[in-house]
């Protein structure tokens, strides 16, 4: 695995977790498919900072979902919201030989702003991330106590763009000319169905 591919993997994992915006639905499982598209801007913190050597790492993500287009129209349509996530990795690094290992128990919470001025929420557990050719696929289960999508499964395929180029920074870290990466920002265009 190349340095570029490893950095893409880290970027895809972070984007997938930062942008796991779930589609809106009632608390009961929906019978019709709903599609929700949003752009998520998020701040990402690595603890400890992302370095050349594999380490157990906690990744904290917080951001906003804007420009949402919800296939469900009307007063309960999602118009935007916020996302927070705490992800624990058994191993994470800039090194292309390190396979990111997400530890069970990571969660993401989405607070949705609805067209009628109210809010709803979805908490995602059982999060898994798969990276294929630099793209991340996030899956998870919405908890039964969520006010939107309770019991539903979330699948999100992501394309990302990073304000802080993780790829270039990881190359510098591996070459010994850059500092470990403690913070990053992500912008992700998301589509869910």
Protein backbone atom coordinates (compact mmCIF):
# COMPACT_ATOMS: atom_id res chain seq x y z
CA UNK A 1 0.00 0.00 0.00
CA UNK A 2 1.43 3.39 -0.98
CA UNK A 3 1.68 6.44 1.29
CA UNK A 4 -0.94 8.13 -0.88
CA UNK A 5 -3.31 5.15 -0.55
CA UNK A 6 -2.75 5.02 3.22
CA UNK A 7 -3.50 8.71 3.56
CA UNK A 8 -6.57 8.25 1.37
CA UNK A 9 -7.64 5.44 3.69
CA UNK A 10 -7.26 7.69 6.75
CA UNK A 11 -9.09 10.49 4.92
CA UNK A 12 -11.88 8.15 3.83
CA UNK A 13 -12.28 6.75 7.35
CA UNK A 14 -12.46 10.23 8.83
CA UNK A 15 -14.83 11.50 6.19
CA UNK A 16 -17.07 8.51 6.52
CA UNK A 17 -17.28 9.01 10.22
CA UNK A 18 -17.54 12.76 10.02
CA UNK A 19 -20.33 12.66 7.52
CA UNK A 20 -22.43 9.71 8.53
CA UNK A 21 -25.52 11.84 8.03
CA UNK A 22 -28.50 9.51 8.23
CA UNK A 23 -31.63 9.91 6.11
CA UNK A 24 -34.66 11.34 7.88
CA UNK A 25 -37.67 9.16 8.68
CA UNK A 26 -40.20 8.61 11.42
CA UNK A 27 -39.20 6.65 14.53
CA UNK A 28 -40.85 3.56 13.06
CA UNK A 29 -38.93 1.89 10.22
CA UNK A 30 -39.78 3.52 6.91
CA UNK A 31 -41.41 1.47 4.18
CA UNK A 32 -40.28 3.71 1.31
CA UNK A 33 -36.70 4.59 0.55
CA UNK A 34 -35.71 8.13 1.45
CA UNK A 35 -32.78 10.01 0.00
CA UNK A 36 -30.94 12.76 1.85
CA UNK A 37 -28.02 14.75 0.43
CA UNK A 38 -26.02 17.14 2.63
CA UNK A 39 -22.64 18.80 2.72
CA UNK A 40 -20.83 18.32 6.02
CA UNK A 41 -18.05 20.57 7.28
CA UNK A 42 -16.28 19.14 10.31
CA UNK A 43 -13.32 19.70 12.59
CA UNK A 44 -11.31 16.57 13.36
CA UNK A 45 -9.01 16.02 16.36
CA UNK A 46 -6.60 13.09 16.72
CA UNK A 47 -5.54 12.06 20.24
CA UNK A 48 -2.67 11.32 20.17
CA UNK A 49 -1.70 13.16 17.00
CA UNK A 50 -1.57 11.05 13.83
CA UNK A 51 2.05 9.94 13.38
CA UNK A 52 4.21 7.47 11.47
CA UNK A 53 3.80 4.70 14.04
CA UNK A 54 0.57 2.82 14.72
CA UNK A 55 -1.10 3.88 17.96
CA UNK A 56 -4.45 3.52 19.66
CA UNK A 57 -6.14 6.79 18.69
CA UNK A 58 -9.34 8.59 19.60
CA UNK A 59 -10.77 10.69 16.78
CA UNK A 60 -13.26 13.39 17.74
CA UNK A 61 -15.39 14.96 15.02
CA UNK A 62 -17.79 17.89 15.19
CA UNK A 63 -19.45 19.80 12.41
CA UNK A 64 -22.51 20.93 10.53
CA UNK A 65 -24.70 19.47 7.81
CA UNK A 66 -25.87 22.15 5.38
CA UNK A 67 -27.53 22.40 2.00
CA UNK A 68 -29.60 19.29 2.71
CA UNK A 69 -32.01 17.98 0.11
CA UNK A 70 -34.51 15.54 1.61
CA UNK A 71 -36.74 13.39 -0.61
CA UNK A 72 -39.43 13.67 2.06
CA UNK A 73 -41.05 17.04 1.60
CA UNK A 74 -43.19 18.88 4.10
CA UNK A 75 -42.78 20.14 7.64
CA UNK A 76 -40.57 17.27 8.84
CA UNK A 77 -38.07 17.46 5.97
CA UNK A 78 -34.44 17.76 7.09
CA UNK A 79 -32.92 21.14 6.18
CA UNK A 80 -29.60 20.81 8.04
CA UNK A 81 -28.12 19.89 11.37
CA UNK A 82 -25.05 19.02 13.37
CA UNK A 83 -22.92 15.93 13.76
CA UNK A 84 -20.63 14.79 16.56
CA UNK A 85 -18.69 11.55 16.74
CA UNK A 86 -16.16 9.87 18.97
CA UNK A 87 -14.29 7.07 17.28
CA UNK A 88 -11.73 4.83 18.89
CA UNK A 89 -9.15 3.07 16.76
CA UNK A 90 -6.96 0.25 18.06
CA UNK A 91 -4.42 1.28 15.43
CA UNK A 92 -4.21 4.37 13.25
CA UNK A 93 -1.25 6.11 11.61
CA UNK A 94 0.06 7.72 8.43
CA UNK A 95 2.01 4.54 7.68
CA UNK A 96 0.67 2.71 4.59
CA UNK A 97 1.22 -0.64 6.33
CA UNK A 98 -1.08 0.27 9.23
CA UNK A 99 -4.62 -0.95 8.72
CA UNK A 100 -7.03 1.39 10.57
CA UNK A 101 -8.76 -0.76 13.20
CA UNK A 102 -12.00 0.77 14.49
CA UNK A 103 -12.81 -0.48 17.99
CA UNK A 104 -16.43 -1.45 18.77
CA UNK A 105 -18.30 1.19 20.75
CA UNK A 106 -17.70 4.20 18.52
CA UNK A 107 -20.78 6.39 18.07
CA UNK A 108 -22.04 9.31 16.03
CA UNK A 109 -24.97 11.57 16.91
CA UNK A 110 -26.89 13.64 14.40
CA UNK A 111 -29.21 16.44 15.45
CA UNK A 112 -31.50 17.35 12.56
CA UNK A 113 -33.07 20.76 11.97
CA UNK A 114 -36.47 20.23 10.40
CA UNK A 115 -38.38 22.53 8.09
CA UNK A 116 -41.05 23.19 10.76
CA UNK A 117 -38.43 24.57 13.18
CA UNK A 118 -38.22 21.49 15.39
CA UNK A 119 -35.36 19.05 15.81
CA UNK A 120 -34.93 15.30 15.71
CA UNK A 121 -31.93 13.10 16.39
CA UNK A 122 -30.28 9.88 15.32
CA UNK A 123 -27.58 8.07 17.26
CA UNK A 124 -25.54 5.63 15.22
CA UNK A 125 -23.81 2.62 16.81
CA UNK A 126 -22.24 -0.57 15.45
CA UNK A 127 -20.20 1.64 13.13
CA UNK A 128 -18.03 -0.06 10.54
CA UNK A 129 -15.91 1.56 7.86
CA UNK A 130 -14.62 -0.08 4.70
CA UNK A 131 -12.16 1.63 2.36
CA UNK A 132 -12.04 0.71 -1.31
CA UNK A 133 -9.86 2.68 -3.73
CA UNK A 134 -9.79 5.73 -1.47
CA UNK A 135 -13.55 5.90 -0.93
CA UNK A 136 -15.12 5.13 2.42
CA UNK A 137 -18.34 3.25 3.08
CA UNK A 138 -19.83 3.72 6.54
CA UNK A 139 -22.47 1.45 7.99
CA UNK A 140 -24.15 1.61 11.36
CA UNK A 141 -27.39 1.04 13.20
CA UNK A 142 -29.68 3.79 14.47
CA UNK A 143 -30.48 3.12 18.14
CA UNK A 144 -34.03 2.37 19.22
CA UNK A 145 -34.12 5.49 21.39
CA UNK A 146 -33.48 7.81 18.41
CA UNK A 147 -36.32 10.12 17.39
CA UNK A 148 -35.53 9.51 13.70
CA UNK A 149 -34.81 6.17 11.98
CA UNK A 150 -34.93 3.99 15.13
CA UNK A 151 -33.76 0.49 14.27
CA UNK A 152 -32.76 1.37 10.71
CA UNK A 153 -29.41 0.57 9.12
CA UNK A 154 -27.33 3.45 7.75
CA UNK A 155 -25.11 2.98 4.71
CA UNK A 156 -23.19 5.96 3.34
CA UNK A 157 -20.78 6.11 0.41
CA UNK A 158 -18.58 9.19 0.59
CA UNK A 159 -16.46 11.39 -1.60
CA UNK A 160 -14.30 13.79 0.35
CA UNK A 161 -12.25 16.93 0.05
CA UNK A 162 -10.00 18.01 2.90
CA UNK A 163 -9.05 21.59 3.76
CA UNK A 164 -5.87 20.28 5.37
CA UNK A 165 -4.29 17.85 2.90
CA UNK A 166 -3.88 14.71 4.99
CA UNK A 167 -2.03 13.03 2.10
CA UNK A 168 0.70 15.70 1.88
CA UNK A 169 0.96 15.98 5.65
CA UNK A 170 1.29 12.21 6.10
CA UNK A 171 4.04 12.12 3.48
CA UNK A 172 5.87 14.83 5.46
CA UNK A 173 5.36 12.93 8.74
CA UNK A 174 6.69 9.71 7.23
CA UNK A 175 9.67 11.56 5.71
CA UNK A 176 10.49 13.02 9.14
CA UNK A 177 10.03 16.62 7.98
CA UNK A 178 6.52 17.19 9.30
CA UNK A 179 4.88 17.23 12.71
CA UNK A 180 2.29 14.62 13.71
CA UNK A 181 -1.22 15.69 12.69
CA UNK A 182 -3.35 16.73 15.68
CA UNK A 183 -6.15 18.56 13.84
CA UNK A 184 -7.76 18.57 10.43
CA UNK A 185 -10.90 19.80 8.75
CA UNK A 186 -13.08 17.91 6.32
CA UNK A 187 -15.66 18.89 3.77
CA UNK A 188 -17.72 16.02 2.38
CA UNK A 189 -20.50 15.78 -0.17
CA UNK A 190 -22.79 12.97 0.97
CA UNK A 191 -25.64 11.02 -0.59
CA UNK A 192 -27.75 8.55 1.38
CA UNK A 193 -30.63 6.31 0.43
